[in-house]
Amino acid sequence: MKSTRKYISIVAIIFISSIMTAQVVITNTNFSMGTTGRIGIGMSPNGEGMQWKPLNLSGQGSLAGRMEQYDYMDLLPAIHFTPKSENDDTTNVTMQVRLGMYSQNGQFMGNVSSRSPQGLTFILPETYVEAKNIMGSDWSAWAGVRFRRYDDIHICDYFYFDDHSAQGAGVSYKDTEFAIYMPSSSDSSGVYPYNYQVTVKGATNPAIRQRMVFVGEHTMKLKGGNSLKLLGEYHYVAENSKDVDYSYPSDWGWVLGAKLNSPLKTKVEGSFNQFSVRYGAGIANGGDNGNTWTWATYGAPDQNGKYTNAYSVTMVEHFLLNLHKNFSLNGYGIFTNSKGGSSSNNKALFYDKSEIYNRKTDFVVGARSLYYVKNWLHLINEVHYATRKDGNNPTASMLKFSFAPTIVPLGKKNAWCRPHIRLVMSAAKYNDYAKDNQYSPYLQLNNKSWGTYIGIKTEMWLF
């Protein structure tokens, strides 16, 4: 017996040693901690109880500026390493997690917890592994859930055109990438009709009608530093079981788009112009409430429960002009026109028999000027004009002005230096239709033509 145990021990030691020898040796391991957020205090001098609410039009999220945004903060811990190689061909590996926190009860983040009725909300929008330039090649790959997005209009944090923030995987070769996403089970859980119930042998259980999104992207490098990005998507959602209360048919959709990035020559470098056009058809007509996810299908289905004739077109113009060492101008324009699967131009029946709008048009333009009084003191001015037309309703409109003297501790004269500590003063003028129909979180508490906000806010990011 003793000899048998001794033999087993020797074999185990040899086996473990061989495994340890075969393991990849990690060198130059680095840990990073990033963060983004906007946190502060504020009030509305003419608001109910001086309580403040965002001034932007409902259904447009952060479009028209984020100076009055509720508190939020992200933490981004990541590990970066390069496996040891016998030659100079190495792979850059990143493992990143993002923990997001925001308050559902205004700006009082420090006074609420997850136990509060409308307290802190915790989300995990990123957990992924990415390998770039695998063994020194032009191939890269990733898998997990991540913020897969690129250019944004920072004034309103609008990640237009190619925001593919969802769970999935992708592979790329040089400037071409192919990815697959499955957003409905995690990113859209609870959103009808993806979640439904099925009864098996007398027991009712939840099920998921899963959406598949296939995305292809290719960037062409042009003369003069210009680049043109081409986008194509195919969406498919399977039918569900016939043995349920409501039977959903299979459906599909597609997206085509192009985005042109152009550097501009100005007195101070860093100026650019970006223009994009994107068209989505069928169930891929998403892009509402300030987000641009094509899988967030807009509108109601047709009489067969499908989105065959649905569509959405979005055009975005965005520029930055560094006109002087002491002055920059950042501007944008957004146009979106969407229609659901129903033939109605107004309201139509959704799957749960409720009536929702089946057509909408959004138009928003705005600009931010930055006057660099000192390296550490910037004067920020913003003006935004936003309209939204739902169905056959009249158009709701808002004109908003913001002024924000800003302390910039790192002391750089550019539009991107952070963190900021801002004294924010905003005022918004609504038309009668917006006021009378509560087309703003502010108007839902105040039946006024003017909305106001005064606050002290910080905006930060560190990557």
Protein backbone atom coordinates (compact mmCIF):
# COMPACT_ATOMS: atom_id res chain seq x y z
CA MET A 1 0.00 0.00 0.00
CA LYS A 2 2.82 2.38 0.96
CA SER A 3 4.61 1.73 -2.34
CA THR A 4 1.39 2.41 -4.25
CA ARG A 5 0.92 5.74 -2.46
CA LYS A 6 4.55 6.63 -3.14
CA TYR A 7 4.10 5.83 -6.84
CA ILE A 8 0.95 7.96 -7.07
CA SER A 9 2.70 10.86 -5.32
CA ILE A 10 5.64 10.72 -7.73
CA VAL A 11 3.32 10.67 -10.76
CA ALA A 12 1.30 13.62 -9.35
CA ILE A 13 4.45 15.67 -8.75
CA ILE A 14 5.69 15.00 -12.29
CA PHE A 15 2.25 15.90 -13.72
CA ILE A 16 1.97 19.15 -11.77
CA SER A 17 5.54 20.09 -12.67
CA SER A 18 4.82 19.56 -16.37
CA ILE A 19 1.74 21.78 -16.12
CA MET A 20 3.71 24.52 -14.35
CA THR A 21 6.42 24.29 -16.99
CA ALA A 22 3.83 24.61 -19.77
CA GLN A 23 2.17 27.69 -18.29
CA VAL A 24 2.65 31.03 -20.03
CA VAL A 25 5.06 33.26 -18.17
CA ILE A 26 3.69 36.81 -17.80
CA THR A 27 6.10 39.74 -17.78
CA ASN A 28 5.67 43.51 -17.31
CA THR A 29 2.19 43.07 -15.79
CA ASN A 30 0.52 46.45 -15.23
CA PHE A 31 -2.62 47.37 -13.32
CA SER A 32 -4.60 50.49 -14.19
CA MET A 33 -7.59 52.16 -12.59
CA GLY A 34 -9.68 54.54 -14.67
CA THR A 35 -12.77 56.53 -13.80
CA THR A 36 -15.39 58.72 -15.45
CA GLY A 37 -18.26 60.65 -13.94
CA ARG A 38 -20.28 63.78 -13.33
CA ILE A 39 -21.17 64.57 -9.72
CA GLY A 40 -22.38 67.70 -7.94
CA ILE A 41 -25.16 69.73 -6.40
CA GLY A 42 -27.83 71.84 -8.04
CA MET A 43 -31.19 73.54 -7.77
CA SER A 44 -33.88 75.20 -9.88
CA PRO A 45 -34.62 78.68 -8.49
CA ASN A 46 -38.08 78.71 -10.10
CA GLY A 47 -38.73 74.98 -9.65
CA GLU A 48 -41.10 73.22 -7.28
CA GLY A 49 -39.37 73.34 -3.89
CA MET A 50 -36.26 74.47 -5.77
CA GLN A 51 -35.86 70.80 -6.74
CA TRP A 52 -34.07 70.43 -10.05
CA LYS A 53 -34.74 68.05 -12.92
CA PRO A 54 -32.96 67.76 -16.29
CA LEU A 55 -34.06 70.47 -18.71
CA ASN A 56 -33.67 68.51 -21.98
CA LEU A 57 -36.68 67.30 -23.93
CA SER A 58 -38.08 63.89 -22.99
CA GLY A 59 -37.26 61.08 -25.40
CA GLN A 60 -33.89 62.63 -26.26
CA GLY A 61 -31.86 61.72 -23.18
CA SER A 62 -28.73 63.83 -22.92
CA LEU A 63 -29.12 65.49 -26.33
CA ALA A 64 -28.85 69.27 -25.98
CA GLY A 65 -26.17 69.18 -23.31
CA ARG A 66 -25.36 67.40 -20.05
CA MET A 67 -24.60 70.30 -17.74
CA GLU A 68 -27.61 69.42 -15.54
CA GLN A 69 -27.17 65.64 -15.61
CA TYR A 70 -27.86 63.44 -12.59
CA ASP A 71 -24.89 61.97 -10.71
CA TYR A 72 -23.04 58.98 -12.08
CA MET A 73 -19.59 57.44 -11.77
CA ASP A 74 -17.70 54.53 -13.38
CA LEU A 75 -14.65 52.67 -12.08
CA LEU A 76 -12.48 50.89 -14.66
CA PRO A 77 -9.93 48.46 -13.18
CA ALA A 78 -7.84 46.65 -15.80
CA ILE A 79 -4.83 44.36 -16.05
CA HIS A 80 -2.48 44.77 -19.02
CA PHE A 81 0.27 42.30 -19.81
CA THR A 82 2.49 40.89 -22.54
CA PRO A 83 3.19 37.14 -22.52
CA LYS A 84 6.87 36.20 -22.64
CA SER A 85 7.84 35.08 -26.12
CA GLU A 86 10.86 33.32 -27.55
CA ASN A 87 11.08 36.06 -30.17
CA ASP A 88 10.09 39.70 -30.45
CA ASP A 89 6.52 38.91 -31.57
CA THR A 90 4.31 39.73 -28.59
CA THR A 91 0.61 40.00 -27.88
CA ASN A 92 -0.85 42.92 -25.92
CA VAL A 93 -3.54 41.57 -23.60
CA THR A 94 -6.07 43.58 -21.60
CA MET A 95 -8.58 42.29 -19.06
CA GLN A 96 -10.95 45.10 -18.08
CA VAL A 97 -14.00 45.50 -15.86
CA ARG A 98 -16.25 48.57 -15.59
CA LEU A 99 -18.44 49.15 -12.54
CA GLY A 100 -21.03 51.86 -13.08
CA MET A 101 -22.95 53.63 -10.32
CA TYR A 102 -25.65 56.25 -10.56
CA SER A 103 -28.35 57.69 -8.35
CA GLN A 104 -32.03 57.41 -9.25
CA ASN A 105 -32.85 60.15 -6.78
CA GLY A 106 -31.08 63.21 -8.11
CA GLN A 107 -27.57 64.34 -7.20
CA PHE A 108 -27.43 63.12 -3.59
CA MET A 109 -25.21 60.12 -4.35
CA GLY A 110 -23.54 60.22 -0.93
CA ASN A 111 -26.84 59.97 0.96
CA VAL A 112 -28.36 56.95 -0.74
CA SER A 113 -27.56 53.26 -0.90
CA SER A 114 -28.81 50.17 -2.69
CA ARG A 115 -31.23 49.73 0.23
CA SER A 116 -32.96 53.05 -0.47
CA PRO A 117 -36.29 52.84 -2.41
CA GLN A 118 -34.77 54.75 -5.32
CA GLY A 119 -31.15 54.60 -4.30
CA LEU A 120 -27.90 53.73 -5.98
CA THR A 121 -28.01 51.53 -9.05
CA PHE A 122 -25.01 49.34 -9.87
CA ILE A 123 -24.31 48.10 -13.38
CA LEU A 124 -21.50 46.05 -14.94
CA PRO A 125 -21.35 47.25 -18.56
CA GLU A 126 -17.86 45.89 -19.22
CA THR A 127 -16.05 42.63 -18.45
CA TYR A 128 -13.90 41.44 -21.32
CA VAL A 129 -10.57 40.15 -22.53
CA GLU A 130 -8.88 41.63 -25.61
CA ALA A 131 -5.74 40.44 -27.37
CA LYS A 132 -4.18 42.90 -29.83
CA ASN A 133 -1.60 42.04 -32.49
CA ILE A 134 -1.57 38.37 -31.61
CA MET A 135 2.04 37.08 -31.70
CA GLY A 136 3.06 40.22 -33.56
CA SER A 137 0.54 39.74 -36.37
CA ASP A 138 -2.17 42.09 -37.67
CA TRP A 139 -4.87 39.95 -36.03
CA SER A 140 -6.72 40.93 -32.85
CA ALA A 141 -9.63 39.38 -30.95
CA TRP A 142 -11.90 40.05 -27.99
CA ALA A 143 -14.77 38.42 -26.09
CA GLY A 144 -17.05 39.49 -23.26
CA VAL A 145 -19.24 42.51 -22.69
CA ARG A 146 -17.89 45.98 -23.39
CA PHE A 147 -18.50 49.57 -24.40
CA ARG A 148 -17.74 48.98 -28.07
CA ARG A 149 -18.07 52.56 -29.27
CA TYR A 150 -15.95 55.20 -30.91
CA ASP A 151 -16.49 58.91 -31.78
CA ASP A 152 -18.92 60.83 -29.61
CA ILE A 153 -20.32 64.33 -29.35
CA HIS A 154 -18.90 64.96 -25.92
CA ILE A 155 -21.16 67.94 -25.17
CA CYS A 156 -24.06 65.47 -24.87
CA ASP A 157 -22.17 62.13 -24.65
CA TYR A 158 -23.87 60.97 -27.83
CA PHE A 159 -21.92 57.99 -29.20
CA TYR A 160 -23.32 58.07 -32.68
CA PHE A 161 -23.05 55.76 -35.67
CA ASP A 162 -21.15 52.72 -34.28
CA ASP A 163 -22.11 52.21 -30.64
CA HIS A 164 -22.10 48.42 -30.25
CA SER A 165 -22.04 48.25 -26.46
CA ALA A 166 -23.23 44.74 -25.71
CA GLN A 167 -22.16 41.20 -24.96
CA GLY A 168 -20.39 39.44 -27.79
CA ALA A 169 -17.07 38.67 -29.46
CA GLY A 170 -15.06 39.98 -32.36
CA VAL A 171 -12.01 39.46 -34.51
CA SER A 172 -10.16 42.04 -36.59
CA TYR A 173 -7.45 42.12 -39.24
CA LYS A 174 -5.79 45.50 -39.73
CA ASP A 175 -8.68 47.95 -40.33
CA THR A 176 -11.43 45.38 -40.82
CA GLU A 177 -13.49 43.86 -38.01
CA PHE A 178 -16.26 41.29 -37.76
CA ALA A 179 -18.25 40.87 -34.53
CA ILE A 180 -21.32 39.08 -33.22
CA TYR A 181 -23.49 40.45 -30.41
CA MET A 182 -26.36 38.99 -28.42
CA PRO A 183 -27.80 42.05 -26.67
CA SER A 184 -31.34 41.03 -25.82
CA SER A 185 -30.69 38.56 -23.01
CA SER A 186 -28.45 40.81 -20.91
CA ASP A 187 -28.58 44.39 -22.16
CA SER A 188 -32.34 44.38 -22.80
CA SER A 189 -33.59 41.98 -20.14
CA GLY A 190 -37.16 42.76 -19.20
CA VAL A 191 -37.82 44.54 -22.48
CA TYR A 192 -40.92 43.16 -24.13
CA PRO A 193 -41.20 41.03 -26.26
CA TYR A 194 -37.77 39.47 -25.70
CA ASN A 195 -38.80 38.06 -22.34
CA TYR A 196 -41.89 35.88 -22.29
CA GLN A 197 -43.26 32.90 -20.38
CA VAL A 198 -43.69 29.33 -21.53
CA THR A 199 -45.61 26.56 -19.79
CA VAL A 200 -44.14 23.07 -19.75
CA LYS A 201 -46.01 20.25 -17.95
CA GLY A 202 -48.04 22.71 -15.93
CA ALA A 203 -45.07 24.83 -14.79
CA THR A 204 -44.65 28.39 -16.12
CA ASN A 205 -41.07 29.53 -16.63
CA PRO A 206 -39.40 32.59 -18.17
CA ALA A 207 -37.71 32.31 -21.55
CA ILE A 208 -35.77 34.62 -23.83
CA ARG A 209 -36.31 35.29 -27.50
CA GLN A 210 -32.69 35.94 -28.41
CA ARG A 211 -31.54 38.53 -30.93
CA MET A 212 -28.38 37.96 -32.97
CA VAL A 213 -26.50 40.95 -34.40
CA PHE A 214 -23.68 40.45 -36.95
CA VAL A 215 -21.54 43.54 -37.56
CA GLY A 216 -18.89 44.23 -40.17
CA GLU A 217 -16.77 47.42 -40.11
CA HIS A 218 -13.97 48.62 -42.36
CA THR A 219 -11.98 51.84 -42.19
CA MET A 220 -10.40 53.28 -45.33
CA LYS A 221 -7.47 55.65 -44.86
CA LEU A 222 -7.65 58.48 -47.40
CA LYS A 223 -5.34 61.30 -48.41
CA GLY A 224 -4.73 64.23 -46.11
CA GLY A 225 -5.32 62.25 -42.94
CA ASN A 226 -8.99 61.66 -43.80
CA SER A 227 -10.64 58.32 -43.04
CA LEU A 228 -13.91 56.75 -44.15
CA LYS A 229 -15.55 54.08 -42.00
CA LEU A 230 -18.10 51.74 -43.58
CA LEU A 231 -20.64 49.86 -41.46
CA GLY A 232 -22.92 46.92 -42.17
CA GLU A 233 -25.17 44.99 -39.77
CA TYR A 234 -27.56 42.05 -39.99
CA HIS A 235 -30.08 41.38 -37.21
CA TYR A 236 -32.11 38.23 -36.65
CA VAL A 237 -34.55 37.22 -33.93
CA ALA A 238 -36.02 33.72 -33.87
CA GLU A 239 -39.68 32.86 -33.44
CA ASN A 240 -40.83 31.60 -30.08
CA SER A 241 -42.81 28.53 -29.14
CA LYS A 242 -46.36 28.26 -30.41
CA ASP A 243 -47.49 26.93 -27.01
CA VAL A 244 -47.53 30.35 -25.28
CA ASP A 245 -50.00 33.17 -24.72
CA TYR A 246 -48.57 35.17 -27.61
CA SER A 247 -46.63 33.80 -30.56
CA TYR A 248 -43.85 36.02 -31.91
CA PRO A 249 -42.75 35.37 -35.51
CA SER A 250 -39.12 35.42 -36.59
CA ASP A 251 -37.93 38.78 -37.90
CA TRP A 252 -34.84 40.47 -39.26
CA GLY A 253 -33.28 43.80 -40.21
CA TRP A 254 -30.16 45.41 -41.60
CA VAL A 255 -28.03 48.56 -41.30
CA LEU A 256 -25.75 50.42 -43.71
CA GLY A 257 -23.73 53.50 -42.89
CA ALA A 258 -20.66 55.64 -43.58
CA LYS A 259 -18.69 58.06 -41.40
CA LEU A 260 -16.07 60.53 -42.68
CA ASN A 261 -13.42 61.88 -40.29
CA SER A 262 -11.42 64.87 -41.52
CA PRO A 263 -8.65 66.83 -39.77
CA LEU A 264 -8.95 70.60 -40.19
CA LYS A 265 -6.09 73.07 -40.44
CA THR A 266 -6.47 75.86 -37.88
CA LYS A 267 -4.11 78.10 -35.95
CA VAL A 268 -3.95 75.52 -33.15
CA GLU A 269 -3.79 71.81 -34.03
CA GLY A 270 -6.45 69.29 -33.03
CA SER A 271 -9.37 70.62 -35.12
CA PHE A 272 -11.58 68.14 -36.98
CA ASN A 273 -14.87 67.57 -38.76
CA GLN A 274 -16.96 64.38 -38.58
CA PHE A 275 -20.01 63.55 -40.68
CA SER A 276 -22.01 60.32 -40.70
CA VAL A 277 -25.13 58.84 -42.29
CA ARG A 278 -26.75 55.60 -41.12
CA TYR A 279 -29.88 53.79 -42.32
CA GLY A 280 -31.51 50.92 -40.44
CA ALA A 281 -34.39 48.76 -41.70
CA GLY A 282 -36.70 46.22 -40.07
CA ILE A 283 -35.94 45.34 -36.46
CA ALA A 284 -32.62 47.24 -36.81
CA ASN A 285 -34.31 50.68 -36.80
CA GLY A 286 -33.27 51.54 -33.23
CA GLY A 287 -31.83 54.83 -32.03
CA ASP A 288 -34.01 56.76 -29.56
CA ASN A 289 -33.87 58.47 -26.16
CA GLY A 290 -30.33 59.72 -26.74
CA ASN A 291 -28.82 56.31 -27.51
CA THR A 292 -27.94 54.95 -30.94
CA TRP A 293 -28.30 51.19 -30.49
CA THR A 294 -29.77 49.82 -33.69
CA TRP A 295 -31.15 46.77 -31.82
CA ALA A 296 -33.38 48.96 -29.60
CA THR A 297 -36.21 48.58 -32.13
CA TYR A 298 -38.43 51.64 -32.41
CA GLY A 299 -42.22 51.71 -32.86
CA ALA A 300 -44.97 49.11 -33.07
CA PRO A 301 -45.14 45.94 -35.21
CA ASP A 302 -47.53 45.42 -38.11
CA GLN A 303 -50.66 43.25 -37.93
CA ASN A 304 -48.46 40.16 -38.30
CA GLY A 305 -46.23 41.10 -35.36
CA LYS A 306 -43.28 42.03 -37.61
CA TYR A 307 -41.23 45.13 -38.51
CA THR A 308 -40.92 44.51 -42.23
CA ASN A 309 -41.51 48.15 -43.26
CA ALA A 310 -39.78 49.81 -40.31
CA TYR A 311 -36.86 52.17 -40.91
CA SER A 312 -34.70 54.86 -39.35
CA VAL A 313 -32.27 57.36 -40.87
CA THR A 314 -29.77 59.35 -38.80
CA MET A 315 -27.36 62.09 -39.91
CA VAL A 316 -24.74 63.62 -37.61
CA GLU A 317 -22.39 66.58 -38.09
CA HIS A 318 -19.73 67.27 -35.45
CA PHE A 319 -16.75 69.65 -35.49
CA LEU A 320 -14.07 71.20 -33.29
CA LEU A 321 -12.29 74.42 -34.28
CA ASN A 322 -9.25 75.53 -32.26
CA LEU A 323 -9.33 79.03 -33.69
CA HIS A 324 -6.87 80.65 -31.28
CA LYS A 325 -4.63 79.59 -28.41
CA ASN A 326 -7.29 81.11 -26.14
CA PHE A 327 -10.48 80.07 -27.96
CA SER A 328 -12.15 76.89 -29.26
CA LEU A 329 -15.57 76.20 -30.77
CA ASN A 330 -17.24 72.77 -30.66
CA GLY A 331 -20.52 72.28 -32.55
CA TYR A 332 -22.90 69.55 -33.68
CA GLY A 333 -26.14 68.78 -35.50
CA ILE A 334 -28.30 65.62 -35.30
CA PHE A 335 -31.30 64.59 -37.41
CA THR A 336 -33.23 61.34 -36.87
CA ASN A 337 -36.41 60.16 -38.56
CA SER A 338 -37.85 56.78 -37.54
CA LYS A 339 -40.94 54.71 -38.24
CA GLY A 340 -42.05 51.39 -36.77
CA GLY A 341 -43.51 48.36 -38.49
CA SER A 342 -47.13 49.49 -38.37
CA SER A 343 -48.58 51.53 -41.24
CA SER A 344 -49.80 54.16 -38.78
CA ASN A 345 -48.11 57.57 -38.75
CA ASN A 346 -49.35 58.23 -35.24
CA LYS A 347 -49.94 55.63 -32.51
CA ALA A 348 -50.25 51.87 -32.97
CA LEU A 349 -50.76 48.78 -30.81
CA PHE A 350 -47.68 47.23 -29.27
CA TYR A 351 -47.41 43.53 -28.36
CA ASP A 352 -48.94 44.09 -24.91
CA LYS A 353 -51.94 45.92 -26.48
CA SER A 354 -50.75 49.33 -25.27
CA GLU A 355 -50.62 52.23 -27.75
CA ILE A 356 -47.21 53.70 -28.54
CA TYR A 357 -45.97 56.21 -31.10
CA ASN A 358 -44.96 54.67 -34.40
CA ARG A 359 -43.21 57.64 -36.00
CA LYS A 360 -40.91 60.35 -34.67
CA THR A 361 -38.51 63.04 -35.83
CA ASP A 362 -35.67 64.49 -33.73
CA PHE A 363 -33.62 67.55 -34.66
CA VAL A 364 -30.94 68.98 -32.36
CA VAL A 365 -28.19 71.54 -32.98
CA GLY A 366 -25.80 73.08 -30.50
CA ALA A 367 -22.40 74.60 -29.87
CA ARG A 368 -19.95 75.09 -27.02
CA SER A 369 -17.42 77.90 -26.96
CA LEU A 370 -14.40 77.76 -24.68
CA TYR A 371 -12.50 80.91 -23.75
CA TYR A 372 -9.25 80.07 -21.98
CA VAL A 373 -8.83 83.00 -19.56
CA LYS A 374 -5.93 81.23 -17.89
CA ASN A 375 -4.47 77.77 -18.13
CA TRP A 376 -6.61 76.76 -15.15
CA LEU A 377 -9.70 78.95 -15.76
CA HIS A 378 -11.95 78.28 -18.77
CA LEU A 379 -15.22 80.07 -19.54
CA ILE A 380 -17.64 77.64 -21.19
CA ASN A 381 -20.74 78.84 -23.03
CA GLU A 382 -23.33 76.54 -24.62
CA VAL A 383 -26.44 77.04 -26.72
CA HIS A 384 -28.73 74.21 -27.86
CA TYR A 385 -31.92 74.05 -29.88
CA ALA A 386 -33.90 70.79 -29.83
CA THR A 387 -37.18 69.66 -31.37
CA ARG A 388 -39.12 66.40 -31.19
CA LYS A 389 -42.24 65.43 -33.10
CA ASP A 390 -44.05 62.24 -32.04
CA GLY A 391 -46.61 60.90 -34.50
CA ASN A 392 -49.03 63.56 -35.74
CA ASN A 393 -48.49 65.76 -32.69
CA PRO A 394 -47.27 69.34 -32.99
CA THR A 395 -43.53 69.81 -32.55
CA ALA A 396 -42.13 70.23 -29.04
CA SER A 397 -39.12 72.56 -28.90
CA MET A 398 -36.56 73.86 -26.41
CA LEU A 399 -33.87 76.57 -26.61
CA LYS A 400 -31.27 76.25 -23.83
CA PHE A 401 -28.38 78.46 -22.75
CA SER A 402 -25.61 77.47 -20.33
CA PHE A 403 -22.71 79.41 -18.83
CA ALA A 404 -20.06 77.60 -16.78
CA PRO A 405 -16.92 79.25 -15.36
CA THR A 406 -14.64 76.22 -14.95
CA ILE A 407 -11.56 75.47 -12.86
CA VAL A 408 -9.17 73.11 -14.68
CA PRO A 409 -6.58 71.92 -12.13
CA LEU A 410 -4.26 70.32 -14.72
CA GLY A 411 -3.95 73.68 -16.47
CA LYS A 412 -4.12 72.96 -20.20
CA LYS A 413 -5.72 75.18 -22.80
CA ASN A 414 -7.72 72.62 -24.73
CA ALA A 415 -11.25 71.25 -24.90
CA TRP A 416 -10.36 67.83 -23.42
CA CYS A 417 -8.35 68.56 -20.27
CA ARG A 418 -10.06 67.03 -17.21
CA PRO A 419 -11.09 67.08 -14.40
CA HIS A 420 -13.40 70.11 -14.39
CA ILE A 421 -14.97 71.91 -11.43
CA ARG A 422 -17.82 73.99 -12.85
CA LEU A 423 -20.23 76.63 -11.66
CA VAL A 424 -23.15 75.82 -13.97
CA MET A 425 -25.98 78.21 -14.82
CA SER A 426 -28.59 77.06 -17.37
CA ALA A 427 -31.91 78.37 -18.63
CA ALA A 428 -34.29 76.70 -21.10
CA LYS A 429 -37.21 78.22 -23.03
CA TYR A 430 -39.99 75.80 -24.07
CA ASN A 431 -42.71 76.31 -26.64
CA ASP A 432 -46.34 76.01 -25.56
CA TYR A 433 -46.77 72.44 -26.79
CA ALA A 434 -43.73 71.21 -24.83
CA LYS A 435 -44.88 73.07 -21.71
CA ASP A 436 -48.51 71.93 -21.84
CA ASN A 437 -47.57 68.28 -22.50
CA GLN A 438 -44.72 67.95 -19.99
CA TYR A 439 -42.06 67.25 -22.63
CA SER A 440 -39.20 67.47 -20.13
CA PRO A 441 -38.35 66.01 -16.70
CA TYR A 442 -38.36 69.62 -15.47
CA LEU A 443 -41.82 70.27 -16.96
CA GLN A 444 -43.21 67.18 -15.26
CA LEU A 445 -42.96 69.13 -11.99
CA ASN A 446 -43.36 72.68 -13.27
CA ASN A 447 -45.85 74.08 -15.79
CA LYS A 448 -43.58 76.94 -16.85
CA SER A 449 -42.23 78.34 -20.11
CA TRP A 450 -38.76 78.75 -18.59
CA GLY A 451 -36.68 76.12 -16.82
CA THR A 452 -33.64 77.03 -14.75
CA TYR A 453 -30.68 75.33 -13.10
CA ILE A 454 -27.80 76.53 -10.91
CA GLY A 455 -25.22 74.09 -9.60
CA ILE A 456 -21.62 73.18 -8.88
CA LYS A 457 -20.49 70.09 -10.75
CA THR A 458 -17.37 68.11 -11.46
CA GLU A 459 -16.70 66.26 -14.69
CA MET A 460 -13.86 63.77 -14.66
CA TRP A 461 -12.23 61.06 -16.67
CA LEU A 462 -9.02 59.14 -16.29
CA PHE A 463 -7.96 56.23 -18.50
